[in-house]
PDB file of N, CA and C in Angstrom:
ATOM      1  N   MET A   1       0.843  -1.170   0.000  1.00  0.00           N
ATOM      2  CA  MET A   1       0.000   0.000   0.000  1.00  0.00           C
ATOM      3  C   MET A   1       0.888   1.232   0.000  1.00  0.00           C
ATOM      4  N   THR A   2       0.376   2.306  -0.501  1.00  0.00           N
ATOM      5  CA  THR A   2       1.163   3.539  -0.580  1.00  0.00           C
ATOM      6  C   THR A   2       1.328   4.149   0.810  1.00  0.00           C
ATOM      7  N   SER A   3       2.308   5.019   0.940  1.00  0.00           N
ATOM      8  CA  SER A   3       2.520   5.708   2.215  1.00  0.00           C
ATOM      9  C   SER A   3       1.317   6.578   2.575  1.00  0.00           C
ATOM     10  N   GLU A   4       0.692   7.175   1.561  1.00  0.00           N
ATOM     11  CA  GLU A   4      -0.483   8.020   1.804  1.00  0.00           C
ATOM     12  C   GLU A   4      -1.641   7.176   2.346  1.00  0.00           C
ATOM     13  N   LYS A   5      -1.846   6.001   1.778  1.00  0.00           N
ATOM     14  CA  LYS A   5      -2.897   5.093   2.245  1.00  0.00           C
ATOM     15  C   LYS A   5      -2.598   4.632   3.673  1.00  0.00           C
ATOM     16  N   PHE A   6      -1.341   4.297   3.940  1.00  0.00           N
ATOM     17  CA  PHE A   6      -0.938   3.883   5.279  1.00  0.00           C
ATOM     18  C   PHE A   6      -1.223   4.994   6.284  1.00  0.00           C
ATOM     19  N   GLU A   7      -0.824   6.207   5.947  1.00  0.00           N
ATOM     20  CA  GLU A   7      -1.043   7.341   6.847  1.00  0.00           C
ATOM     21  C   GLU A   7      -2.541   7.566   7.096  1.00  0.00           C
ATOM     22  N   GLY A   8      -3.349   7.416   6.062  1.00  0.00           N
ATOM     23  CA  GLY A   8      -4.798   7.548   6.219  1.00  0.00           C
ATOM     24  C   GLY A   8      -5.372   6.482   7.141  1.00  0.00           C
ATOM     25  N   GLU A   9      -4.883   5.255   7.012  1.00  0.00           N
ATOM     26  CA  GLU A   9      -5.335   4.157   7.877  1.00  0.00           C
ATOM     27  C   GLU A   9      -4.959   4.429   9.334  1.00  0.00           C
ATOM     28  N   VAL A  10      -3.752   4.939   9.555  1.00  0.00           N
ATOM     29  CA  VAL A  10      -3.291   5.250  10.913  1.00  0.00           C
ATOM     30  C   VAL A  10      -4.163   6.353  11.521  1.00  0.00           C
ATOM     31  N   LYS A  11      -4.443   7.395  10.747  1.00  0.00           N
ATOM     32  CA  LYS A  11      -5.270   8.503  11.239  1.00  0.00           C
ATOM     33  C   LYS A  11      -6.683   8.024  11.572  1.00  0.00           C
ATOM     34  N   THR A  12      -7.219   7.132  10.752  1.00  0.00           N
ATOM     35  CA  THR A  12      -8.559   6.601  11.012  1.00  0.00           C
ATOM     36  C   THR A  12      -8.578   5.793  12.303  1.00  0.00           C
ATOM     37  N   LEU A  13      -7.597   4.912  12.482  1.00  0.00           N
ATOM     38  CA  LEU A  13      -7.527   4.131  13.722  1.00  0.00           C
ATOM     39  C   LEU A  13      -7.426   5.053  14.932  1.00  0.00           C
ATOM     40  N   LYS A  14      -6.547   6.042  14.857  1.00  0.00           N
ATOM     41  CA  LYS A  14      -6.365   6.981  15.970  1.00  0.00           C
ATOM     42  C   LYS A  14      -7.682   7.687  16.308  1.00  0.00           C
ATOM     43  N   LYS A  15      -8.346   8.200  15.297  1.00  0.00           N
ATOM     44  CA  LYS A  15      -9.582   8.951  15.494  1.00  0.00           C
ATOM     45  C   LYS A  15     -10.670   8.076  16.131  1.00  0.00           C
ATOM     46  N   PHE A  16     -10.843   6.870  15.614  1.00  0.00           N
ATOM     47  CA  PHE A  16     -11.888   5.977  16.098  1.00  0.00           C
ATOM     48  C   PHE A  16     -11.586   5.473  17.505  1.00  0.00           C
ATOM     49  N   PHE A  17     -10.335   5.090  17.758  1.00  0.00           N
ATOM     50  CA  PHE A  17      -9.967   4.589  19.089  1.00  0.00           C
ATOM     51  C   PHE A  17     -10.093   5.684  20.136  1.00  0.00           C
ATOM     52  N   GLU A  18      -9.616   6.888  19.831  1.00  0.00           N
ATOM     53  CA  GLU A  18      -9.670   7.962  20.823  1.00  0.00           C
ATOM     54  C   GLU A  18     -11.105   8.361  21.147  1.00  0.00           C
ATOM     55  N   LEU A  19     -11.967   8.401  20.160  1.00  0.00           N
ATOM     56  CA  LEU A  19     -13.369   8.732  20.430  1.00  0.00           C
ATOM     57  C   LEU A  19     -14.006   7.672  21.327  1.00  0.00           C
ATOM     58  N   HIS A  20     -13.826   6.416  20.979  1.00  0.00           N
ATOM     59  CA  HIS A  20     -14.391   5.317  21.759  1.00  0.00           C
ATOM     60  C   HIS A  20     -13.876   5.367  23.197  1.00  0.00           C
ATOM     61  N   CYS A  21     -12.586   5.507  23.372  1.00  0.00           N
ATOM     62  CA  CYS A  21     -11.986   5.510  24.705  1.00  0.00           C
ATOM     63  C   CYS A  21     -12.464   6.720  25.515  1.00  0.00           C
ATOM     64  N   LYS A  22     -12.565   7.867  24.877  1.00  0.00           N
ATOM     65  CA  LYS A  22     -13.027   9.082  25.557  1.00  0.00           C
ATOM     66  C   LYS A  22     -14.444   8.887  26.098  1.00  0.00           C
ATOM     67  N   HIS A  23     -15.300   8.243  25.325  1.00  0.00           N
ATOM     68  CA  HIS A  23     -16.698   8.053  25.725  1.00  0.00           C
ATOM     69  C   HIS A  23     -16.898   6.895  26.697  1.00  0.00           C
ATOM     70  N   LYS A  24     -16.042   5.884  26.638  1.00  0.00           N
ATOM     71  CA  LYS A  24     -16.293   4.647  27.376  1.00  0.00           C
ATOM     72  C   LYS A  24     -15.367   4.387  28.564  1.00  0.00           C
ATOM     73  N   HIS A  25     -14.199   4.984  28.581  1.00  0.00           N
ATOM     74  CA  HIS A  25     -13.199   4.610  29.581  1.00  0.00           C
ATOM     75  C   HIS A  25     -12.668   5.812  30.338  1.00  0.00           C
ATOM     76  N   GLN A  26     -12.027   5.533  31.444  1.00  0.00           N
ATOM     77  CA  GLN A  26     -11.378   6.566  32.237  1.00  0.00           C
ATOM     78  C   GLN A  26      -9.890   6.237  32.316  1.00  0.00           C
ATOM     79  N   ASN A  27      -9.176   7.027  33.035  1.00  0.00           N
ATOM     80  CA  ASN A  27      -7.734   6.801  33.223  1.00  0.00           C
ATOM     81  C   ASN A  27      -6.957   6.807  31.908  1.00  0.00           C
ATOM     82  N   ARG A  28      -7.329   7.723  31.017  1.00  0.00           N
ATOM     83  CA  ARG A  28      -6.591   7.842  29.766  1.00  0.00           C
ATOM     84  C   ARG A  28      -5.260   8.540  30.028  1.00  0.00           C
ATOM     85  N   LYS A  29      -4.270   8.155  29.263  1.00  0.00           N
ATOM     86  CA  LYS A  29      -2.937   8.743  29.366  1.00  0.00           C
ATOM     87  C   LYS A  29      -2.439   9.074  27.964  1.00  0.00           C
ATOM     88  N   ASP A  30      -1.475   9.958  27.915  1.00  0.00           N
ATOM     89  CA  ASP A  30      -0.848  10.276  26.637  1.00  0.00           C
ATOM     90  C   ASP A  30       0.223   9.228  26.334  1.00  0.00           C
ATOM     91  N   HIS A  31       0.225   8.782  25.087  1.00  0.00           N
ATOM     92  CA  HIS A  31       1.201   7.800  24.611  1.00  0.00           C
ATOM     93  C   HIS A  31       1.738   8.284  23.271  1.00  0.00           C
ATOM     94  N   ILE A  32       2.925   7.863  22.949  1.00  0.00           N
ATOM     95  CA  ILE A  32       3.492   8.131  21.622  1.00  0.00           C
ATOM     96  C   ILE A  32       3.917   6.791  21.035  1.00  0.00           C
ATOM     97  N   ARG A  33       3.519   6.566  19.806  1.00  0.00           N
ATOM     98  CA  ARG A  33       3.913   5.341  19.100  1.00  0.00           C
ATOM     99  C   ARG A  33       4.607   5.772  17.808  1.00  0.00           C
ATOM    100  N   ILE A  34       5.767   5.234  17.562  1.00  0.00           N
ATOM    101  CA  ILE A  34       6.514   5.496  16.329  1.00  0.00           C
ATOM    102  C   ILE A  34       6.298   4.302  15.400  1.00  0.00           C
ATOM    103  N   LEU A  35       5.823   4.581  14.197  1.00  0.00           N
ATOM    104  CA  LEU A  35       5.594   3.542  13.194  1.00  0.00           C
ATOM    105  C   LEU A  35       6.529   3.791  12.018  1.00  0.00           C
ATOM    106  N   SER A  36       7.209   2.762  11.563  1.00  0.00           N
ATOM    107  CA  SER A  36       8.082   2.869  10.386  1.00  0.00           C
ATOM    108  C   SER A  36       7.447   2.106   9.241  1.00  0.00           C
ATOM    109  N   TYR A  37       7.240   2.822   8.119  1.00  0.00           N
ATOM    110  CA  TYR A  37       6.627   2.194   6.946  1.00  0.00           C
ATOM    111  C   TYR A  37       7.227   2.811   5.693  1.00  0.00           C
ATOM    112  N   ASN A  38       7.684   1.974   4.771  1.00  0.00           N
ATOM    113  CA  ASN A  38       8.291   2.445   3.513  1.00  0.00           C
ATOM    114  C   ASN A  38       9.389   3.486   3.767  1.00  0.00           C
ATOM    115  N   ASP A  39      10.287   3.184   4.676  1.00  0.00           N
ATOM    116  CA  ASP A  39      11.421   4.055   4.993  1.00  0.00           C
ATOM    117  C   ASP A  39      11.008   5.431   5.512  1.00  0.00           C
ATOM    118  N   LYS A  40       9.808   5.521   6.059  1.00  0.00           N
ATOM    119  CA  LYS A  40       9.335   6.776   6.629  1.00  0.00           C
ATOM    120  C   LYS A  40       8.835   6.495   8.036  1.00  0.00           C
ATOM    121  N   GLU A  41       9.071   7.426   8.953  1.00  0.00           N
ATOM    122  CA  GLU A  41       8.594   7.259  10.317  1.00  0.00           C
ATOM    123  C   GLU A  41       7.398   8.161  10.573  1.00  0.00           C
ATOM    124  N   TYR A  42       6.444   7.616  11.284  1.00  0.00           N
ATOM    125  CA  TYR A  42       5.237   8.334  11.665  1.00  0.00           C
ATOM    126  C   TYR A  42       5.163   8.354  13.180  1.00  0.00           C
ATOM    127  N   GLN A  43       5.038   9.536  13.759  1.00  0.00           N
ATOM    128  CA  GLN A  43       4.870   9.653  15.205  1.00  0.00           C
ATOM    129  C   GLN A  43       3.384   9.854  15.469  1.00  0.00           C
ATOM    130  N   VAL A  44       2.799   8.936  16.215  1.00  0.00           N
ATOM    131  CA  VAL A  44       1.369   8.988  16.494  1.00  0.00           C
ATOM    132  C   VAL A  44       1.174   9.286  17.976  1.00  0.00           C
ATOM    133  N   GLU A  45       0.557  10.428  18.263  1.00  0.00           N
ATOM    134  CA  GLU A  45       0.259  10.799  19.642  1.00  0.00           C
ATOM    135  C   GLU A  45      -1.143  10.322  19.972  1.00  0.00           C
ATOM    136  N   LEU A  46      -1.255   9.577  21.058  1.00  0.00           N
ATOM    137  CA  LEU A  46      -2.522   8.950  21.436  1.00  0.00           C
ATOM    138  C   LEU A  46      -2.894   9.329  22.859  1.00  0.00           C
ATOM    139  N   ASN A  47      -4.194   9.446  23.119  1.00  0.00           N
ATOM    140  CA  ASN A  47      -4.708   9.654  24.466  1.00  0.00           C
ATOM    141  C   ASN A  47      -5.703   8.531  24.730  1.00  0.00           C
ATOM    142  N   LEU A  48      -5.202   7.429  25.326  1.00  0.00           N
ATOM    143  CA  LEU A  48      -5.986   6.219  25.497  1.00  0.00           C
ATOM    144  C   LEU A  48      -5.725   5.588  26.857  1.00  0.00           C
ATOM    145  N   CYS A  49      -6.686   4.773  27.320  1.00  0.00           N
ATOM    146  CA  CYS A  49      -6.466   3.952  28.500  1.00  0.00           C
ATOM    147  C   CYS A  49      -5.513   2.809  28.110  1.00  0.00           C
ATOM    148  N   ASP A  50      -5.042   2.080  29.092  1.00  0.00           N
ATOM    149  CA  ASP A  50      -4.072   1.012  28.816  1.00  0.00           C
ATOM    150  C   ASP A  50      -4.652  -0.087  27.927  1.00  0.00           C
ATOM    151  N   ASP A  51      -5.930  -0.460  28.150  1.00  0.00           N
ATOM    152  CA  ASP A  51      -6.537  -1.513  27.333  1.00  0.00           C
ATOM    153  C   ASP A  51      -6.671  -1.097  25.871  1.00  0.00           C
ATOM    154  N   CYS A  52      -7.124   0.138  25.647  1.00  0.00           N
ATOM    155  CA  CYS A  52      -7.251   0.618  24.267  1.00  0.00           C
ATOM    156  C   CYS A  52      -5.878   0.779  23.618  1.00  0.00           C
ATOM    157  N   LYS A  53      -4.880   1.162  24.412  1.00  0.00           N
ATOM    158  CA  LYS A  53      -3.517   1.282  23.880  1.00  0.00           C
ATOM    159  C   LYS A  53      -3.008  -0.071  23.398  1.00  0.00           C
ATOM    160  N   LYS A  54      -3.259  -1.114  24.169  1.00  0.00           N
ATOM    161  CA  LYS A  54      -2.839  -2.454  23.754  1.00  0.00           C
ATOM    162  C   LYS A  54      -3.542  -2.866  22.461  1.00  0.00           C
ATOM    163  N   LEU A  55      -4.834  -2.555  22.369  1.00  0.00           N
ATOM    164  CA  LEU A  55      -5.596  -2.950  21.187  1.00  0.00           C
ATOM    165  C   LEU A  55      -5.180  -2.161  19.952  1.00  0.00           C
ATOM    166  N   ILE A  56      -4.912  -0.871  20.105  1.00  0.00           N
ATOM    167  CA  ILE A  56      -4.484  -0.100  18.929  1.00  0.00           C
ATOM    168  C   ILE A  56      -3.076  -0.513  18.508  1.00  0.00           C
ATOM    169  N   ASP A  57      -2.227  -0.863  19.475  1.00  0.00           N
ATOM    170  CA  ASP A  57      -0.899  -1.381  19.114  1.00  0.00           C
ATOM    171  C   ASP A  57      -1.027  -2.662  18.295  1.00  0.00           C
ATOM    172  N   TYR A  58      -1.948  -3.529  18.703  1.00  0.00           N
ATOM    173  CA  TYR A  58      -2.225  -4.762  17.955  1.00  0.00           C
ATOM    174  C   TYR A  58      -2.685  -4.418  16.534  1.00  0.00           C
ATOM    175  N   SER A  59      -3.579  -3.437  16.425  1.00  0.00           N
ATOM    176  CA  SER A  59      -4.084  -3.020  15.107  1.00  0.00           C
ATOM    177  C   SER A  59      -2.981  -2.417  14.250  1.00  0.00           C
ATOM    178  N   PHE A  60      -2.120  -1.601  14.859  1.00  0.00           N
ATOM    179  CA  PHE A  60      -0.991  -1.032  14.115  1.00  0.00           C
ATOM    180  C   PHE A  60      -0.072  -2.142  13.619  1.00  0.00           C
ATOM    181  N   ASP A  61       0.184  -3.128  14.462  1.00  0.00           N
ATOM    182  CA  ASP A  61       1.048  -4.243  14.052  1.00  0.00           C
ATOM    183  C   ASP A  61       0.443  -5.012  12.880  1.00  0.00           C
ATOM    184  N   ARG A  62      -0.864  -5.229  12.896  1.00  0.00           N
ATOM    185  CA  ARG A  62      -1.539  -5.910  11.774  1.00  0.00           C
ATOM    186  C   ARG A  62      -1.423  -5.060  10.512  1.00  0.00           C
ATOM    187  N   LEU A  63      -1.598  -3.750  10.654  1.00  0.00           N
ATOM    188  CA  LEU A  63      -1.504  -2.848   9.506  1.00  0.00           C
ATOM    189  C   LEU A  63      -0.094  -2.870   8.914  1.00  0.00           C
ATOM    190  N   LEU A  64       0.907  -2.829   9.773  1.00  0.00           N
ATOM    191  CA  LEU A  64       2.297  -2.860   9.299  1.00  0.00           C
ATOM    192  C   LEU A  64       2.624  -4.162   8.578  1.00  0.00           C
ATOM    193  N   ASP A  65       1.999  -5.251   8.985  1.00  0.00           N
ATOM    194  CA  ASP A  65       2.275  -6.566   8.396  1.00  0.00           C
ATOM    195  C   ASP A  65       1.316  -6.939   7.262  1.00  0.00           C
ATOM    196  N   CYS A  66       0.423  -6.020   6.872  1.00  0.00           N
ATOM    197  CA  CYS A  66      -0.556  -6.333   5.828  1.00  0.00           C
ATOM    198  C   CYS A  66       0.168  -6.697   4.525  1.00  0.00           C
ATOM    199  N   PRO A  67      -0.104  -7.900   3.997  1.00  0.00           N
ATOM    200  CA  PRO A  67       0.615  -8.361   2.806  1.00  0.00           C
ATOM    201  C   PRO A  67       0.048  -7.842   1.478  1.00  0.00           C
ATOM    202  N   HIS A  68      -1.057  -7.134   1.516  1.00  0.00           N
ATOM    203  CA  HIS A  68      -1.743  -6.724   0.284  1.00  0.00           C
ATOM    204  C   HIS A  68      -1.187  -5.409  -0.263  1.00  0.00           C
ATOM    205  N   ASP A  69      -0.931  -5.384  -1.566  1.00  0.00           N
ATOM    206  CA  ASP A  69      -0.488  -4.138  -2.196  1.00  0.00           C
ATOM    207  C   ASP A  69      -1.613  -3.110  -2.179  1.00  0.00           C
ATOM    208  N   ILE A  70      -2.799  -3.559  -2.493  1.00  0.00           N
ATOM    209  CA  ILE A  70      -3.983  -2.714  -2.381  1.00  0.00           C
ATOM    210  C   ILE A  70      -4.756  -3.244  -1.180  1.00  0.00           C
ATOM    211  N   LYS A  71      -4.687  -2.511  -0.078  1.00  0.00           N
ATOM    212  CA  LYS A  71      -5.255  -3.001   1.175  1.00  0.00           C
ATOM    213  C   LYS A  71      -6.783  -3.009   1.105  1.00  0.00           C
ATOM    214  N   PRO A  72      -7.387  -4.184   1.331  1.00  0.00           N
ATOM    215  CA  PRO A  72      -8.847  -4.232   1.392  1.00  0.00           C
ATOM    216  C   PRO A  72      -9.315  -3.817   2.789  1.00  0.00           C
ATOM    217  N   ARG A  73     -10.604  -3.595   2.932  1.00  0.00           N
ATOM    218  CA  ARG A  73     -11.141  -3.403   4.274  1.00  0.00           C
ATOM    219  C   ARG A  73     -10.939  -4.707   5.021  1.00  0.00           C
ATOM    220  N   CYS A  74     -10.583  -4.605   6.270  1.00  0.00           N
ATOM    221  CA  CYS A  74     -10.274  -5.820   7.042  1.00  0.00           C
ATOM    222  C   CYS A  74     -11.464  -6.783   7.079  1.00  0.00           C
ATOM    223  N   ARG A  75     -12.678  -6.243   7.145  1.00  0.00           N
ATOM    224  CA  ARG A  75     -13.840  -7.137   7.233  1.00  0.00           C
ATOM    225  C   ARG A  75     -14.091  -7.903   5.936  1.00  0.00           C
ATOM    226  N   THR A  76     -13.511  -7.447   4.825  1.00  0.00           N
ATOM    227  CA  THR A  76     -13.698  -8.153   3.560  1.00  0.00           C
ATOM    228  C   THR A  76     -12.425  -8.831   3.079  1.00  0.00           C
ATOM    229  N   CYS A  77     -11.413  -8.868   3.930  1.00  0.00           N
ATOM    230  CA  CYS A  77     -10.123  -9.441   3.550  1.00  0.00           C
ATOM    231  C   CYS A  77     -10.242 -10.954   3.332  1.00  0.00           C
ATOM    232  N   PRO A  78      -9.661 -11.454   2.249  1.00  0.00           N
ATOM    233  CA  PRO A  78      -9.718 -12.892   1.996  1.00  0.00           C
ATOM    234  C   PRO A  78      -8.832 -13.708   2.951  1.00  0.00           C
ATOM    235  N   ALA A  79      -7.871 -13.055   3.599  1.00  0.00           N
ATOM    236  CA  ALA A  79      -6.978 -13.757   4.531  1.00  0.00           C
ATOM    237  C   ALA A  79      -6.838 -12.922   5.809  1.00  0.00           C
ATOM    238  N   PRO A  80      -7.868 -12.904   6.667  1.00  0.00           N
ATOM    239  CA  PRO A  80      -7.825 -12.048   7.857  1.00  0.00           C
ATOM    240  C   PRO A  80      -6.668 -12.397   8.796  1.00  0.00           C
ATOM    241  N   CYS A  81      -6.043 -11.374   9.351  1.00  0.00           N
ATOM    242  CA  CYS A  81      -4.890 -11.597  10.223  1.00  0.00           C
ATOM    243  C   CYS A  81      -5.212 -11.352  11.698  1.00  0.00           C
ATOM    244  N   TYR A  82      -6.370 -10.791  11.976  1.00  0.00           N
ATOM    245  CA  TYR A  82      -6.757 -10.558  13.371  1.00  0.00           C
ATOM    246  C   TYR A  82      -7.189 -11.866  14.025  1.00  0.00           C
ATOM    247  N   ASP A  83      -6.786 -12.055  15.297  1.00  0.00           N
ATOM    248  CA  ASP A  83      -7.329 -13.157  16.079  1.00  0.00           C
ATOM    249  C   ASP A  83      -8.785 -12.826  16.402  1.00  0.00           C
ATOM    250  N   LYS A  84      -9.581 -13.852  16.631  1.00  0.00           N
ATOM    251  CA  LYS A  84     -11.022 -13.661  16.784  1.00  0.00           C
ATOM    252  C   LYS A  84     -11.383 -12.697  17.916  1.00  0.00           C
ATOM    253  N   LYS A  85     -10.728 -12.823  19.069  1.00  0.00           N
ATOM    254  CA  LYS A  85     -11.037 -11.962  20.219  1.00  0.00           C
ATOM    255  C   LYS A  85     -10.767 -10.486  19.885  1.00  0.00           C
ATOM    256  N   GLU A  86      -9.605 -10.215  19.318  1.00  0.00           N
ATOM    257  CA  GLU A  86      -9.251  -8.842  18.966  1.00  0.00           C
ATOM    258  C   GLU A  86     -10.140  -8.319  17.842  1.00  0.00           C
ATOM    259  N   TRP A  87     -10.472  -9.192  16.901  1.00  0.00           N
ATOM    260  CA  TRP A  87     -11.349  -8.801  15.794  1.00  0.00           C
ATOM    261  C   TRP A  87     -12.688  -8.303  16.328  1.00  0.00           C
ATOM    262  N   LYS A  88     -13.266  -9.058  17.277  1.00  0.00           N
ATOM    263  CA  LYS A  88     -14.557  -8.663  17.847  1.00  0.00           C
ATOM    264  C   LYS A  88     -14.448  -7.335  18.591  1.00  0.00           C
ATOM    265  N   SER A  89     -13.374  -7.157  19.330  1.00  0.00           N
ATOM    266  CA  SER A  89     -13.174  -5.906  20.076  1.00  0.00           C
ATOM    267  C   SER A  89     -13.027  -4.715  19.138  1.00  0.00           C
ATOM    268  N   VAL A  90     -12.222  -4.861  18.114  1.00  0.00           N
ATOM    269  CA  VAL A  90     -12.000  -3.758  17.176  1.00  0.00           C
ATOM    270  C   VAL A  90     -13.271  -3.489  16.365  1.00  0.00           C
ATOM    271  N   ALA A  91     -13.976  -4.535  15.944  1.00  0.00           N
ATOM    272  CA  ALA A  91     -15.207  -4.354  15.176  1.00  0.00           C
ATOM    273  C   ALA A  91     -16.243  -3.596  16.003  1.00  0.00           C
ATOM    274  N   SER A  92     -16.377  -3.935  17.267  1.00  0.00           N
ATOM    275  CA  SER A  92     -17.317  -3.243  18.149  1.00  0.00           C
ATOM    276  C   SER A  92     -16.928  -1.774  18.323  1.00  0.00           C
ATOM    277  N   LEU A  93     -15.653  -1.534  18.536  1.00  0.00           N
ATOM    278  CA  LEU A  93     -15.141  -0.177  18.694  1.00  0.00           C
ATOM    279  C   LEU A  93     -15.382   0.649  17.431  1.00  0.00           C
ATOM    280  N   MET A  94     -15.081   0.073  16.280  1.00  0.00           N
ATOM    281  CA  MET A  94     -15.260   0.783  15.012  1.00  0.00           C
ATOM    282  C   MET A  94     -16.740   1.069  14.742  1.00  0.00           C
ATOM    283  N   ARG A  95     -17.594   0.117  15.073  1.00  0.00           N
ATOM    284  CA  ARG A  95     -19.035   0.300  14.897  1.00  0.00           C
ATOM    285  C   ARG A  95     -19.519   1.465  15.756  1.00  0.00           C
ATOM    286  N   TYR A  96     -19.129   1.480  17.024  1.00  0.00           N
ATOM    287  CA  TYR A  96     -19.533   2.548  17.935  1.00  0.00           C
ATOM    288  C   TYR A  96     -19.067   3.913  17.414  1.00  0.00           C
ATOM    289  N   SER A  97     -17.775   4.016  17.107  1.00  0.00           N
ATOM    290  CA  SER A  97     -17.227   5.296  16.666  1.00  0.00           C
ATOM    291  C   SER A  97     -17.806   5.719  15.316  1.00  0.00           C
ATOM    292  N   GLY A  98     -17.956   4.762  14.417  1.00  0.00           N
ATOM    293  CA  GLY A  98     -18.526   5.078  13.105  1.00  0.00           C
ATOM    294  C   GLY A  98     -19.934   5.611  13.211  1.00  0.00           C
ATOM    295  N   MET A  99     -20.731   4.998  14.083  1.00  0.00           N
ATOM    296  CA  MET A  99     -22.100   5.483  14.278  1.00  0.00           C
ATOM    297  C   MET A  99     -22.076   6.881  14.888  1.00  0.00           C
ATOM    298  N   HIS A 100     -21.181   7.112  15.826  1.00  0.00           N
ATOM    299  CA  HIS A 100     -21.099   8.431  16.452  1.00  0.00           C
ATOM    300  C   HIS A 100     -20.690   9.494  15.434  1.00  0.00           C
ATOM    301  N   PHE A 101     -19.687   9.192  14.620  1.00  0.00           N
ATOM    302  CA  PHE A 101     -19.257  10.162  13.618  1.00  0.00           C
ATOM    303  C   PHE A 101     -20.364  10.426  12.609  1.00  0.00           C
ATOM    304  N   GLY A 102     -21.106   9.399  12.249  1.00  0.00           N
ATOM    305  CA  GLY A 102     -22.229   9.581  11.338  1.00  0.00           C
ATOM    306  C   GLY A 102     -23.304  10.463  11.940  1.00  0.00           C
ATOM    307  N   LEU A 103     -23.618  10.250  13.210  1.00  0.00           N
ATOM    308  CA  LEU A 103     -24.623  11.065  13.886  1.00  0.00           C
ATOM    309  C   LEU A 103     -24.156  12.497  14.059  1.00  0.00           C
ATOM    310  N   THR A 104     -22.859  12.702  14.279  1.00  0.00           N
ATOM    311  CA  THR A 104     -22.313  14.048  14.409  1.00  0.00           C
ATOM    312  C   THR A 104     -22.494  14.813  13.107  1.00  0.00           C
ATOM    313  N   LYS A 105     -22.262  14.147  11.973  1.00  0.00           N
ATOM    314  CA  LYS A 105     -22.443  14.804  10.675  1.00  0.00           C
ATOM    315  C   LYS A 105     -23.897  15.203  10.474  1.00  0.00           C
ATOM    316  N   VAL A 106     -24.820  14.337  10.863  1.00  0.00           N
ATOM    317  CA  VAL A 106     -26.246  14.640  10.718  1.00  0.00           C
ATOM    318  C   VAL A 106     -26.617  15.833  11.596  1.00  0.00           C
ATOM    319  N   LYS A 107     -26.141  15.839  12.859  1.00  0.00           N
ATOM    320  CA  LYS A 107     -26.428  16.955  13.764  1.00  0.00           C
ATOM    321  C   LYS A 107     -25.895  18.257  13.195  1.00  0.00           C
ATOM    322  N   ASN A 108     -24.657  18.238  12.702  1.00  0.00           N
ATOM    323  CA  ASN A 108     -24.054  19.450  12.135  1.00  0.00           C
ATOM    324  C   ASN A 108     -24.806  19.915  10.905  1.00  0.00           C
ATOM    325  N   PHE A 109     -25.314  18.989  10.095  1.00  0.00           N
ATOM    326  CA  PHE A 109     -26.090  19.357   8.908  1.00  0.00           C
ATOM    327  C   PHE A 109     -27.334  20.135   9.313  1.00  0.00           C
ATOM    328  N   PHE A 110     -28.043  19.643  10.334  1.00  0.00           N
ATOM    329  CA  PHE A 110     -29.270  20.310  10.757  1.00  0.00           C
ATOM    330  C   PHE A 110     -28.980  21.648  11.428  1.00  0.00           C
ATOM    331  N   LYS A 111     -27.859  21.774  12.106  1.00  0.00           N
ATOM    332  CA  LYS A 111     -27.481  23.056  12.692  1.00  0.00           C
ATOM    333  C   LYS A 111     -27.233  24.089  11.601  1.00  0.00           C
ATOM    334  N   LEU A 112     -26.592  23.673  10.517  1.00  0.00           N
ATOM    335  CA  LEU A 112     -26.265  24.587   9.416  1.00  0.00           C
ATOM    336  C   LEU A 112     -27.492  24.973   8.614  1.00  0.00           C
ATOM    337  N   SER A 113     -28.470  24.104   8.552  1.00  0.00           N
ATOM    338  CA  SER A 113     -29.631  24.379   7.691  1.00  0.00           C
ATOM    339  C   SER A 113     -30.703  25.222   8.385  1.00  0.00           C
ATOM    340  N   LYS A 114     -30.478  25.576   9.639  1.00  0.00           N
ATOM    341  CA  LYS A 114     -31.480  26.416  10.359  1.00  0.00           C
ATOM    342  C   LYS A 114     -31.298  27.862  10.040  1.00  0.00           C
TER     343      LYS A 114
END
């Protein structure tokens, strides 16, 4: 996958994990994760609880090891790399955050149209 696609995937994970953790968990801390991809380093600043930090690290590791040149969505991947327990946790987190972001867009639309 291209560096731009990788960076977009990292930003999406960060955004979704931080929203979920902010709404659901306490004891969040600041963390920094350095990711190396295609001879480029990415510094990712995160504000997550320890459990969410472990899960996003797992997700980053899967992303770094993705064997596909054109990365498919993980839920439609022909060769999934997530273990079942982590897959369920990440899918639930993504569903929650995705629904929230969708509802935020709808709320903002109605605010603008008044």
